[in-house]
Protein backbone atom coordinates (compact mmCIF):
# COMPACT_ATOMS: atom_id res chain seq x y z
CA UNK A 1 232.43 -99.53 1.90
CA UNK A 2 231.72 -95.85 2.97
CA UNK A 3 230.00 -93.91 0.14
CA UNK A 4 232.34 -91.05 0.64
CA UNK A 5 235.29 -93.23 -0.23
CA UNK A 6 233.53 -94.52 -3.34
CA UNK A 7 232.93 -90.93 -4.36
CA UNK A 8 236.56 -89.89 -3.58
CA UNK A 9 237.78 -92.68 -5.85
CA UNK A 10 235.37 -91.76 -8.55
CA UNK A 11 236.13 -87.97 -8.46
CA UNK A 12 239.86 -88.27 -8.43
CA UNK A 13 239.70 -90.94 -11.20
CA UNK A 14 237.53 -88.81 -13.29
CA UNK A 15 239.76 -85.75 -12.95
CA UNK A 16 242.93 -87.76 -13.93
CA UNK A 17 240.87 -89.25 -16.77
CA UNK A 18 239.74 -85.92 -18.00
CA UNK A 19 243.37 -84.67 -18.02
CA UNK A 20 244.59 -87.72 -19.88
CA UNK A 21 241.86 -87.36 -22.49
CA UNK A 22 242.56 -83.65 -22.92
CA UNK A 23 246.20 -84.27 -23.30
CA UNK A 24 245.60 -87.02 -25.81
CA UNK A 25 243.15 -84.77 -27.81
CA UNK A 26 239.51 -85.37 -28.75
CA UNK A 27 240.23 -84.88 -32.37
CA UNK A 28 243.01 -87.52 -32.09
CA UNK A 29 240.60 -89.91 -30.59
CA UNK A 30 237.90 -89.49 -33.11
CA UNK A 31 240.27 -89.63 -36.15
CA UNK A 32 241.69 -93.02 -34.85
CA UNK A 33 238.48 -94.43 -34.18
CA UNK A 34 237.39 -93.56 -37.75
CA UNK A 35 240.60 -94.89 -39.26
CA UNK A 36 240.10 -98.21 -37.30
CA UNK A 37 236.45 -98.52 -38.36
CA UNK A 38 234.38 -101.57 -37.38
CA UNK A 39 237.52 -103.31 -36.19
CA UNK A 40 237.24 -101.17 -33.15
CA UNK A 41 234.25 -103.23 -31.86
CA UNK A 42 236.29 -106.52 -31.48
CA UNK A 43 239.21 -104.52 -30.06
CA UNK A 44 236.95 -103.10 -27.29
CA UNK A 45 234.95 -106.44 -26.99
CA UNK A 46 237.97 -108.67 -26.47
CA UNK A 47 238.74 -106.90 -23.26
CA UNK A 48 235.32 -107.75 -21.86
CA UNK A 49 236.51 -111.43 -22.18
CA UNK A 50 239.77 -110.51 -20.55
CA UNK A 51 238.21 -108.92 -17.52
CA UNK A 52 235.74 -111.82 -17.17
CA UNK A 53 238.75 -114.17 -16.94
CA UNK A 54 240.51 -111.88 -14.43
CA UNK A 55 237.25 -111.76 -12.50
CA UNK A 56 236.94 -115.53 -12.54
CA UNK A 57 240.55 -115.90 -11.16
CA UNK A 58 239.84 -113.48 -8.30
CA UNK A 59 236.32 -115.02 -7.66
CA UNK A 60 237.87 -118.46 -7.15
CA UNK A 61 240.16 -116.99 -4.36
CA UNK A 62 237.33 -115.19 -2.64
CA UNK A 63 234.77 -117.99 -2.76
CA UNK A 64 237.10 -120.44 -1.03
CA UNK A 65 236.05 -118.53 2.19
CA UNK A 66 232.47 -119.70 1.49
CA UNK A 67 231.23 -116.17 0.70
CA UNK A 68 228.07 -116.01 -1.42
CA UNK A 69 229.01 -112.96 -3.45
CA UNK A 70 227.43 -112.40 -6.85
CA UNK A 71 229.96 -112.81 -9.70
CA UNK A 72 228.66 -109.56 -11.09
CA UNK A 73 229.85 -107.77 -8.05
CA UNK A 74 233.36 -109.18 -8.34
CA UNK A 75 233.36 -108.45 -12.09
CA UNK A 76 232.38 -104.83 -11.39
CA UNK A 77 235.10 -104.34 -8.75
CA UNK A 78 237.56 -106.02 -11.03
CA UNK A 79 236.96 -103.63 -13.80
CA UNK A 80 236.97 -100.55 -11.60
CA UNK A 81 240.20 -101.69 -9.96
CA UNK A 82 241.99 -102.03 -13.34
CA UNK A 83 240.62 -98.68 -14.39
CA UNK A 84 242.22 -97.00 -11.38
CA UNK A 85 245.47 -98.91 -12.01
CA UNK A 86 245.60 -97.55 -15.48
CA UNK A 87 245.57 -93.99 -14.23
CA UNK A 88 247.69 -94.39 -11.25
CA UNK A 89 251.51 -93.56 -11.34
CA UNK A 90 254.05 -95.55 -9.45
CA UNK A 91 253.67 -99.28 -10.34
CA UNK A 92 249.88 -98.76 -11.16
CA UNK A 93 248.76 -100.11 -7.86
CA UNK A 94 245.91 -97.68 -7.08
CA UNK A 95 243.23 -100.25 -7.85
CA UNK A 96 244.29 -102.60 -4.88
CA UNK A 97 243.21 -100.26 -2.17
CA UNK A 98 239.95 -99.74 -4.01
CA UNK A 99 239.33 -103.49 -4.22
CA UNK A 100 239.98 -103.85 -0.44
CA UNK A 101 237.51 -101.07 0.45
CA UNK A 102 234.91 -102.35 -1.92
CA UNK A 103 234.92 -105.79 -0.40
CA UNK A 104 235.63 -105.20 3.27
CA UNK A 105 232.02 -104.63 4.32
CA UNK A 106 231.01 -107.70 2.71
CA UNK A 107 233.61 -110.25 3.70
CA UNK A 108 235.58 -108.48 6.34
CA UNK A 109 238.83 -106.49 6.26
CA UNK A 110 241.20 -109.50 6.79
CA UNK A 111 239.66 -111.58 4.06
CA UNK A 112 239.41 -108.53 1.74
CA UNK A 113 243.12 -107.85 2.28
CA UNK A 114 244.25 -111.41 1.86
CA UNK A 115 242.22 -111.99 -1.27
CA UNK A 116 243.33 -108.85 -2.98
CA UNK A 117 247.11 -109.55 -2.18
CA UNK A 118 246.60 -113.18 -3.48
CA UNK A 119 245.19 -111.99 -6.72
CA UNK A 120 247.90 -109.44 -7.12
CA UNK A 121 250.48 -112.11 -6.59
CA UNK A 122 248.86 -114.47 -9.07
CA UNK A 123 248.36 -111.58 -11.53
CA UNK A 124 252.13 -110.84 -11.34
CA UNK A 125 252.98 -114.61 -11.51
CA UNK A 126 250.98 -115.01 -14.79
CA UNK A 127 252.68 -111.95 -16.19
CA UNK A 128 256.08 -113.68 -15.66
CA UNK A 129 254.74 -116.86 -17.34
CA UNK A 130 253.44 -114.66 -20.18
CA UNK A 131 256.83 -113.02 -20.74
CA UNK A 132 258.40 -116.43 -20.64
CA UNK A 133 256.02 -117.64 -23.45
CA UNK A 134 257.14 -114.61 -25.57
CA UNK A 135 260.78 -115.51 -24.96
CA UNK A 136 260.15 -119.12 -26.04
CA UNK A 137 258.23 -118.03 -29.12
CA UNK A 138 260.92 -115.57 -30.05
CA UNK A 139 263.46 -118.39 -29.72
CA UNK A 140 261.46 -120.86 -31.79
CA UNK A 141 260.22 -118.57 -34.68
CA UNK A 142 263.04 -116.02 -35.09
CA UNK A 143 266.63 -116.47 -36.16
CA UNK A 144 268.72 -115.09 -33.29
CA UNK A 145 272.26 -113.78 -33.03
CA UNK A 146 274.67 -115.08 -30.36
CA UNK A 147 274.15 -111.82 -28.29
CA UNK A 148 270.42 -111.93 -28.44
CA UNK A 149 270.38 -115.53 -27.51
CA UNK A 150 272.43 -114.85 -24.50
CA UNK A 151 270.21 -111.95 -23.37
CA UNK A 152 267.01 -114.06 -23.91
CA UNK A 153 268.68 -116.95 -21.99
CA UNK A 154 269.42 -114.55 -19.01
CA UNK A 155 265.95 -113.06 -19.19
CA UNK A 156 264.43 -116.61 -19.15
CA UNK A 157 266.46 -117.53 -16.17
CA UNK A 158 265.36 -114.32 -14.34
CA UNK A 159 261.75 -115.00 -15.12
CA UNK A 160 261.94 -118.53 -13.87
CA UNK A 161 263.50 -117.33 -10.65
CA UNK A 162 260.75 -114.69 -10.16
CA UNK A 163 258.20 -117.37 -10.73
CA UNK A 164 259.79 -119.64 -8.14
CA UNK A 165 259.97 -116.72 -5.73
CA UNK A 166 256.35 -115.76 -6.08
CA UNK A 167 255.22 -119.44 -5.77
CA UNK A 168 257.38 -119.74 -2.56
CA UNK A 169 255.56 -116.68 -1.15
CA UNK A 170 252.26 -118.36 -1.64
CA UNK A 171 253.56 -121.32 0.22
CA UNK A 172 255.32 -119.45 3.09
CA UNK A 173 253.58 -116.12 3.21
CA UNK A 174 254.75 -112.62 2.48
CA UNK A 175 253.34 -110.05 5.02
CA UNK A 176 255.02 -111.36 8.25
CA UNK A 177 258.53 -111.78 6.78
CA UNK A 178 258.19 -108.30 5.11
CA UNK A 179 256.97 -106.72 8.34
CA UNK A 180 259.79 -108.25 10.42
CA UNK A 181 262.35 -107.23 7.64
CA UNK A 182 261.11 -103.66 7.59
CA UNK A 183 261.46 -103.41 11.40
CA UNK A 184 265.13 -103.90 10.95
CA UNK A 185 265.72 -101.09 8.43
CA UNK A 186 267.22 -98.16 10.38
CA UNK A 187 265.09 -95.33 8.98
CA UNK A 188 261.86 -97.39 9.10
CA UNK A 189 261.98 -99.35 12.36
CA UNK A 190 260.82 -96.42 14.44
CA UNK A 191 257.73 -95.98 12.22
CA UNK A 192 257.07 -99.73 12.20
CA UNK A 193 256.91 -99.89 16.05
CA UNK A 194 253.43 -98.35 15.76
CA UNK A 195 252.36 -101.50 14.04
CA UNK A 196 253.56 -103.87 16.62
CA UNK A 197 250.01 -104.29 18.00
CA UNK A 198 248.89 -105.20 14.46
CA UNK A 199 251.29 -108.09 14.15
CA UNK A 200 248.62 -110.61 14.99
CA UNK A 201 246.34 -109.37 12.40
CA UNK A 202 249.09 -109.33 9.82
CA UNK A 203 249.88 -112.97 10.76
CA UNK A 204 246.17 -113.95 10.28
CA UNK A 205 246.14 -112.34 6.92
CA UNK A 206 249.44 -114.14 5.99
CA UNK A 207 247.82 -117.51 7.12
CA UNK A 208 244.92 -116.93 4.74
CA UNK A 209 247.43 -116.27 1.92
CA UNK A 210 249.41 -119.49 2.48
CA UNK A 211 246.19 -121.53 3.08
CA UNK A 212 245.22 -120.83 -0.54
CA UNK A 213 248.17 -122.52 -1.89
CA UNK A 214 248.75 -125.23 0.75
CA UNK A 215 245.11 -126.31 1.21
CA UNK A 216 243.51 -125.40 -2.16
CA UNK A 217 246.31 -126.18 -4.66
CA UNK A 218 243.90 -127.04 -7.48
CA UNK A 219 242.16 -123.75 -6.96
CA UNK A 220 245.46 -121.96 -6.94
CA UNK A 221 246.66 -123.37 -10.28
CA UNK A 222 243.06 -122.84 -11.83
CA UNK A 223 243.15 -119.19 -10.72
CA UNK A 224 246.65 -118.83 -12.25
CA UNK A 225 245.79 -120.49 -15.52
CA UNK A 226 242.56 -118.34 -15.94
CA UNK A 227 244.76 -115.09 -15.39
CA UNK A 228 247.39 -116.34 -17.74
CA UNK A 229 244.70 -117.21 -20.31
CA UNK A 230 243.29 -113.67 -20.00
CA UNK A 231 246.74 -112.36 -21.15
CA UNK A 232 246.77 -114.64 -24.19
CA UNK A 233 243.28 -113.54 -25.04
CA UNK A 234 244.35 -109.82 -24.67
CA UNK A 235 246.89 -110.29 -27.40
CA UNK A 236 244.05 -110.60 -29.90
CA UNK A 237 243.71 -106.92 -29.59
CA UNK A 238 247.03 -106.44 -31.44
CA UNK A 239 245.85 -108.95 -34.15
CA UNK A 240 242.71 -106.95 -34.65
CA UNK A 241 244.41 -103.56 -34.66
CA UNK A 242 246.80 -104.65 -37.33
CA UNK A 243 244.03 -106.17 -39.37
CA UNK A 244 242.36 -102.87 -39.48
CA UNK A 245 245.27 -101.51 -41.57
CA UNK A 246 245.38 -104.69 -43.64
CA UNK A 247 248.43 -106.17 -42.06
CA UNK A 248 248.30 -109.86 -41.65
CA UNK A 249 250.19 -111.32 -38.60
CA UNK A 250 249.89 -114.61 -36.92
CA UNK A 251 248.47 -114.91 -33.44
CA UNK A 252 251.91 -115.92 -32.27
CA UNK A 253 253.19 -112.59 -33.44
CA UNK A 254 250.36 -110.88 -31.67
CA UNK A 255 251.41 -112.68 -28.41
CA UNK A 256 254.91 -111.54 -28.92
CA UNK A 257 253.86 -107.88 -29.50
CA UNK A 258 251.72 -107.90 -26.45
CA UNK A 259 254.34 -109.57 -24.19
CA UNK A 260 257.45 -107.65 -25.40
CA UNK A 261 255.77 -104.19 -25.25
CA UNK A 262 254.38 -104.84 -21.74
CA UNK A 263 257.92 -105.90 -20.56
CA UNK A 264 259.31 -102.59 -21.66
CA UNK A 265 256.47 -100.67 -20.20
CA UNK A 266 256.77 -102.49 -16.88
CA UNK A 267 260.48 -101.69 -16.65
CA UNK A 268 259.56 -98.06 -16.62
CA UNK A 269 256.58 -98.22 -14.32
CA UNK A 270 256.12 -94.84 -12.75
CA UNK A 271 254.28 -93.02 -15.69
CA UNK A 272 250.41 -92.81 -15.64
CA UNK A 273 249.20 -94.85 -18.57
CA UNK A 274 252.79 -95.10 -19.73
CA UNK A 275 252.56 -91.76 -21.38
CA UNK A 276 255.02 -91.86 -24.32
CA UNK A 277 256.55 -95.13 -23.17
CA UNK A 278 253.87 -97.24 -24.77
CA UNK A 279 254.23 -95.85 -28.24
CA UNK A 280 258.03 -95.95 -28.00
CA UNK A 281 257.94 -99.66 -26.83
CA UNK A 282 255.51 -100.59 -29.65
CA UNK A 283 257.69 -98.94 -32.23
CA UNK A 284 260.75 -101.03 -31.02
CA UNK A 285 258.69 -104.16 -31.06
CA UNK A 286 257.14 -103.60 -34.48
CA UNK A 287 260.65 -102.75 -35.77
CA UNK A 288 261.78 -106.12 -34.58
CA UNK A 289 259.19 -107.66 -36.75
CA UNK A 290 260.41 -105.60 -39.78
CA UNK A 291 257.37 -103.25 -39.80
CA UNK A 292 257.60 -99.38 -40.02
CA UNK A 293 257.75 -97.37 -36.82
CA UNK A 294 254.65 -95.51 -37.73
CA UNK A 295 252.74 -98.71 -37.38
CA UNK A 296 253.89 -98.97 -33.77
CA UNK A 297 252.69 -95.44 -33.03
CA UNK A 298 249.24 -96.26 -34.69
CA UNK A 299 248.95 -99.38 -32.66
CA UNK A 300 249.70 -97.55 -29.42
CA UNK A 301 247.18 -94.79 -30.21
CA UNK A 302 244.42 -97.31 -30.76
CA UNK A 303 245.53 -99.33 -27.69
CA UNK A 304 245.27 -96.12 -25.58
CA UNK A 305 241.75 -95.33 -26.87
CA UNK A 306 240.51 -98.78 -25.87
CA UNK A 307 241.81 -98.07 -22.47
CA UNK A 308 240.07 -94.78 -22.30
CA UNK A 309 236.75 -96.53 -22.93
CA UNK A 310 237.22 -99.17 -20.24
CA UNK A 311 238.59 -96.60 -17.78
CA UNK A 312 235.37 -94.68 -18.26
CA UNK A 313 233.25 -97.76 -17.80
CA UNK A 314 235.21 -98.73 -14.54
CA UNK A 315 234.81 -95.21 -13.16
CA UNK A 316 231.05 -95.29 -13.80
CA UNK A 317 230.81 -98.76 -12.05
CA UNK A 318 232.53 -97.18 -8.90
CA UNK A 319 229.49 -94.97 -8.67
CA UNK A 320 227.11 -97.87 -9.36
CA UNK A 321 228.73 -99.97 -6.57
CA UNK A 322 228.24 -96.95 -4.19
CA UNK A 323 224.54 -97.18 -4.42
CA UNK A 324 224.49 -101.06 -4.11
CA UNK A 325 227.13 -101.80 -1.52
CA UNK A 326 224.83 -100.81 1.55
CA UNK A 327 221.96 -103.01 0.44
CA UNK A 328 224.32 -105.98 -0.18
CA UNK A 329 226.08 -105.52 3.14
CA UNK A 330 222.66 -105.87 4.97
CA UNK A 331 221.73 -108.95 2.89
CA UNK A 332 225.04 -110.57 3.86
CA UNK A 333 224.28 -110.34 7.41
CA UNK A 334 221.18 -112.41 6.97
CA UNK A 335 222.57 -115.01 4.60
């Protein structure tokens, strides 16, 4: 990956990060860390485990192409990619271009694109499974009214449909059909003509996407399970945050808080770091568990400070990768 591109990702990310921290307030950060106390260590630490599981999921996809990449490299790119996603408006997808650029000199552009798309699809699929888990837990452990039962049933059906759709795209591919559909849209088809000479390359990438499911089915499900497990582990953050203010909840409650709040935040997906949306969603979720709204605000504040920490680490790793990518690219040519 060109060092200038690394630097661009780093500088732009650092500027956005600085603005977010400034808006949040340094005093606010320090006071909430002090209030949380030593519980802040497991709150931060649990996400090292989450990123490790995410990296394992992506590593399984990449290593299927017989590339001898160090796991530490994949872990570093994974962390940086999520850091960029956190500060990117519009669906939080800024980390995907970084993943592609960070890997293209090591495994080639086509494989870099296909592995990134594959992991993104698996990451979304595991998200749907996670939300489905929360719906099931809510149905089992909470008394529901007729209206809420109907709403949850419809939501469960929608999530199952999304899971089936995403798995079908793993079987049949996504890029070629999307490319051909886009060419039929009146205001886009003239622009898409410029990509006609790229259709073969798009097909090759699509073939690599479908090969993962059709030829490496066990690896597909292992990758999906690891990413799903990462979401379950991440729920422990809410358990630790509430422990810091002497509120005892079950781990099932923590899973529900994590899944329900993320569902609300993903419905409104265009705000960087879900500014204001996170606190509001957590207030609603905590109210549903009969806790005061102020607890939801506190949880959101600590949650955001944890993200600041890992965003900073991810941005630093972008610079670290810049100085190692050239050496690793040379090594790959001789391996």
